[in-house]
Amino acid sequence: MNTDTIYRVIRYFGIGLIFVSLLWAFYKGTGSESHPGGPAFSSAVGLYTDGKYEEALRDYETSIREHPNFIHAQRGRARTLMQLGQDKEALQAFNEVLERDPGSAVSFANRGILQDRMGLYSQAIEDYDRAIKMEPRLGEGLDWFTRFVQNREEKPQTLADRLQTLRSTRNRAN
């Protein structure tokens, strides 16, 4: 096969891939919403990511009303309440999530963060410890790529570091 034929095949293959990609994007963009949490959940996730917590809470609650068994909307509601500083409501929401899904290491970690902020250090220690035992990578914190995407220059304290700090503080107090 000569060089001109190879380049021609590569060029047509590239054009074909572009065409197929455009068709796929058009197909996915015009289809109906098929997310199990409905359009309200998709909207809530975007609003939460943008820091629009009041609006996100509204959409998470809509998703929960429309899809009461969709646990991800309930988790999102709990995190959003925590971001809004509605600590008691957030704690209740995390408790409800963990009753339904006791295997959720992320929910234990988030509830631990909330309890830590509320000064409930013994409970925070239990939840941090449980989350890290269930999913060890939670103790490692954010990786460099996530920090880059979130525009975080400094590495935040990890759950494992915070757990160690709380344990040593508790031990010094005893």
Protein backbone atom coordinates (compact mmCIF):
# COMPACT_ATOMS: atom_id res chain seq x y z
CA MET A 1 0.00 0.00 0.00
CA ASN A 2 1.48 3.36 -0.96
CA THR A 3 1.62 6.45 1.24
CA ASP A 4 -1.15 8.33 -0.61
CA THR A 5 -3.59 5.44 -0.08
CA ILE A 6 -2.76 5.26 3.64
CA TYR A 7 -3.33 9.00 4.10
CA ARG A 8 -6.59 8.83 2.15
CA VAL A 9 -7.85 5.97 4.35
CA ILE A 10 -6.87 7.87 7.52
CA ARG A 11 -8.57 11.04 6.24
CA TYR A 12 -11.84 9.27 5.39
CA PHE A 13 -11.73 7.40 8.69
CA GLY A 14 -11.28 10.71 10.57
CA ILE A 15 -14.13 12.36 8.66
CA GLY A 16 -16.30 9.32 9.38
CA LEU A 17 -15.54 9.54 13.11
CA ILE A 18 -16.46 13.22 13.15
CA PHE A 19 -19.73 12.47 11.36
CA VAL A 20 -20.59 9.61 13.73
CA SER A 21 -19.74 11.80 16.76
CA LEU A 22 -22.04 14.57 15.52
CA LEU A 23 -24.86 12.10 14.93
CA TRP A 24 -24.39 10.62 18.42
CA ALA A 25 -24.37 14.07 20.04
CA PHE A 26 -27.54 15.01 18.16
CA TYR A 27 -29.22 11.74 19.16
CA LYS A 28 -28.32 12.12 22.86
CA GLY A 29 -29.26 15.81 22.88
CA THR A 30 -32.73 15.31 21.45
CA GLY A 31 -33.74 12.26 23.47
CA SER A 32 -36.05 12.41 26.44
CA GLU A 33 -34.66 12.59 29.95
CA SER A 34 -33.98 9.05 31.06
CA HIS A 35 -32.13 9.70 34.32
CA PRO A 36 -33.64 7.64 37.17
CA GLY A 37 -33.91 10.79 39.31
CA GLY A 38 -35.64 12.72 36.56
CA PRO A 39 -34.83 16.14 35.17
CA ALA A 40 -35.08 17.76 38.61
CA PHE A 41 -32.18 15.62 39.85
CA SER A 42 -30.01 16.50 36.86
CA SER A 43 -30.77 20.17 37.42
CA ALA A 44 -30.02 19.89 41.15
CA VAL A 45 -26.59 18.37 40.51
CA GLY A 46 -25.67 21.23 38.19
CA LEU A 47 -26.96 23.86 40.59
CA TYR A 48 -25.09 22.28 43.51
CA THR A 49 -21.87 22.22 41.48
CA ASP A 50 -22.36 25.91 40.68
CA GLY A 51 -22.83 26.72 44.39
CA LYS A 52 -26.53 27.62 43.99
CA TYR A 53 -27.57 25.64 47.04
CA GLU A 54 -31.06 27.07 47.60
CA GLU A 55 -32.07 26.22 44.03
CA ALA A 56 -30.35 22.84 44.25
CA LEU A 57 -32.28 22.01 47.42
CA ARG A 58 -35.54 22.85 45.69
CA ASP A 59 -34.73 20.52 42.78
CA TYR A 60 -33.45 17.71 45.02
CA GLU A 61 -36.73 17.85 46.93
CA THR A 62 -38.70 17.79 43.68
CA SER A 63 -36.73 14.75 42.57
CA ILE A 64 -37.42 13.02 45.90
CA ARG A 65 -41.16 13.70 45.57
CA GLU A 66 -41.21 12.35 42.02
CA HIS A 67 -38.81 9.43 42.66
CA PRO A 68 -38.97 8.62 46.40
CA ASN A 69 -36.75 5.53 46.10
CA PHE A 70 -33.89 7.33 44.34
CA ILE A 71 -31.26 7.45 47.09
CA HIS A 72 -28.88 9.78 45.22
CA ALA A 73 -31.40 12.63 45.42
CA GLN A 74 -31.68 12.06 49.16
CA ARG A 75 -27.88 12.13 49.49
CA GLY A 76 -27.76 15.33 47.47
CA ARG A 77 -30.41 16.90 49.67
CA ALA A 78 -28.42 16.03 52.80
CA ARG A 79 -25.19 17.51 51.38
CA THR A 80 -27.04 20.63 50.26
CA LEU A 81 -28.59 21.16 53.68
CA MET A 82 -25.10 20.86 55.14
CA GLN A 83 -23.78 23.48 52.71
CA LEU A 84 -26.63 25.80 53.66
CA GLY A 85 -25.71 25.52 57.34
CA GLN A 86 -28.97 23.79 58.24
CA ASP A 87 -27.08 21.36 60.43
CA LYS A 88 -29.93 19.70 62.33
CA GLU A 89 -31.90 19.09 59.14
CA ALA A 90 -28.78 17.85 57.39
CA LEU A 91 -27.99 15.43 60.22
CA GLN A 92 -31.52 14.05 60.07
CA ALA A 93 -31.25 13.73 56.29
CA PHE A 94 -27.92 11.86 56.54
CA ASN A 95 -29.42 9.56 59.19
CA GLU A 96 -32.33 8.77 56.84
CA VAL A 97 -29.94 8.09 53.96
CA LEU A 98 -27.83 5.77 56.10
CA GLU A 99 -30.91 3.90 57.34
CA ARG A 100 -31.76 3.13 53.73
CA ASP A 101 -28.19 2.60 52.54
CA PRO A 102 -25.91 1.56 55.42
CA GLY A 103 -23.18 0.57 52.96
CA SER A 104 -22.56 4.13 51.77
CA ALA A 105 -19.06 5.05 52.88
CA VAL A 106 -19.37 8.52 51.33
CA SER A 107 -22.51 9.20 53.39
CA PHE A 108 -20.69 8.18 56.58
CA ALA A 109 -17.81 10.49 55.64
CA ASN A 110 -20.17 13.39 54.94
CA ARG A 111 -22.10 12.82 58.16
CA GLY A 112 -18.76 12.73 59.97
CA ILE A 113 -17.81 16.09 58.47
CA LEU A 114 -21.13 17.53 59.57
CA GLN A 115 -20.79 16.14 63.10
CA ASP A 116 -17.24 17.48 63.25
CA ARG A 117 -18.52 20.96 62.35
CA MET A 118 -21.26 20.63 64.96
CA GLY A 119 -18.73 19.75 67.68
CA LEU A 120 -19.97 16.16 67.96
CA TYR A 121 -16.41 14.85 67.89
CA SER A 122 -17.00 11.32 69.22
CA GLN A 123 -19.65 10.67 66.58
CA ALA A 124 -17.44 12.24 63.90
CA ILE A 125 -14.57 9.93 64.87
CA GLU A 126 -16.86 6.90 64.57
CA ASP A 127 -18.16 7.96 61.16
CA TYR A 128 -14.73 8.92 59.78
CA ASP A 129 -13.30 5.61 60.97
CA ARG A 130 -16.18 3.62 59.51
CA ALA A 131 -16.02 5.43 56.16
CA ILE A 132 -12.27 4.88 55.82
CA LYS A 133 -12.56 1.20 56.76
CA MET A 134 -15.34 0.74 54.20
CA GLU A 135 -13.53 2.65 51.45
CA PRO A 136 -9.86 3.37 52.24
CA ARG A 137 -9.40 5.84 49.38
CA LEU A 138 -11.76 8.25 51.20
CA GLY A 139 -9.01 8.80 53.75
CA GLU A 140 -6.58 9.94 51.07
CA GLY A 141 -8.37 13.15 50.12
CA LEU A 142 -8.64 14.78 46.72
CA ASP A 143 -6.23 13.74 44.00
CA TRP A 144 -4.25 16.35 42.06
CA PHE A 145 -6.59 16.25 39.05
CA THR A 146 -9.73 16.91 41.11
CA ARG A 147 -7.95 19.77 42.89
CA PHE A 148 -6.92 21.14 39.48
CA VAL A 149 -10.48 20.95 38.11
CA GLN A 150 -11.87 22.58 41.28
CA ASN A 151 -9.10 25.23 41.17
CA ARG A 152 -7.79 24.33 44.64
CA GLU A 153 -4.13 25.21 44.91
CA GLU A 154 -3.55 23.82 48.38
CA LYS A 155 -4.22 20.24 49.34
CA PRO A 156 -7.01 20.22 51.96
CA GLN A 157 -6.80 18.15 55.11
CA THR A 158 -7.73 14.53 54.44
CA LEU A 159 -10.28 12.54 56.43
CA ALA A 160 -7.46 10.35 57.73
CA ASP A 161 -5.56 13.44 58.91
CA ARG A 162 -8.65 14.89 60.59
CA LEU A 163 -9.43 11.56 62.22
CA GLN A 164 -5.89 11.43 63.62
CA THR A 165 -6.19 15.02 64.91
CA LEU A 166 -9.50 14.29 66.65
CA ARG A 167 -8.16 11.10 68.20
CA SER A 168 -5.02 12.78 69.53
CA THR A 169 -7.05 15.72 70.89
CA ARG A 170 -9.40 13.28 72.62
CA ASN A 171 -6.47 11.31 74.06
CA ARG A 172 -4.83 14.50 75.43
CA ALA A 173 -8.14 15.53 77.05
CA ASN A 174 -8.42 12.15 78.83
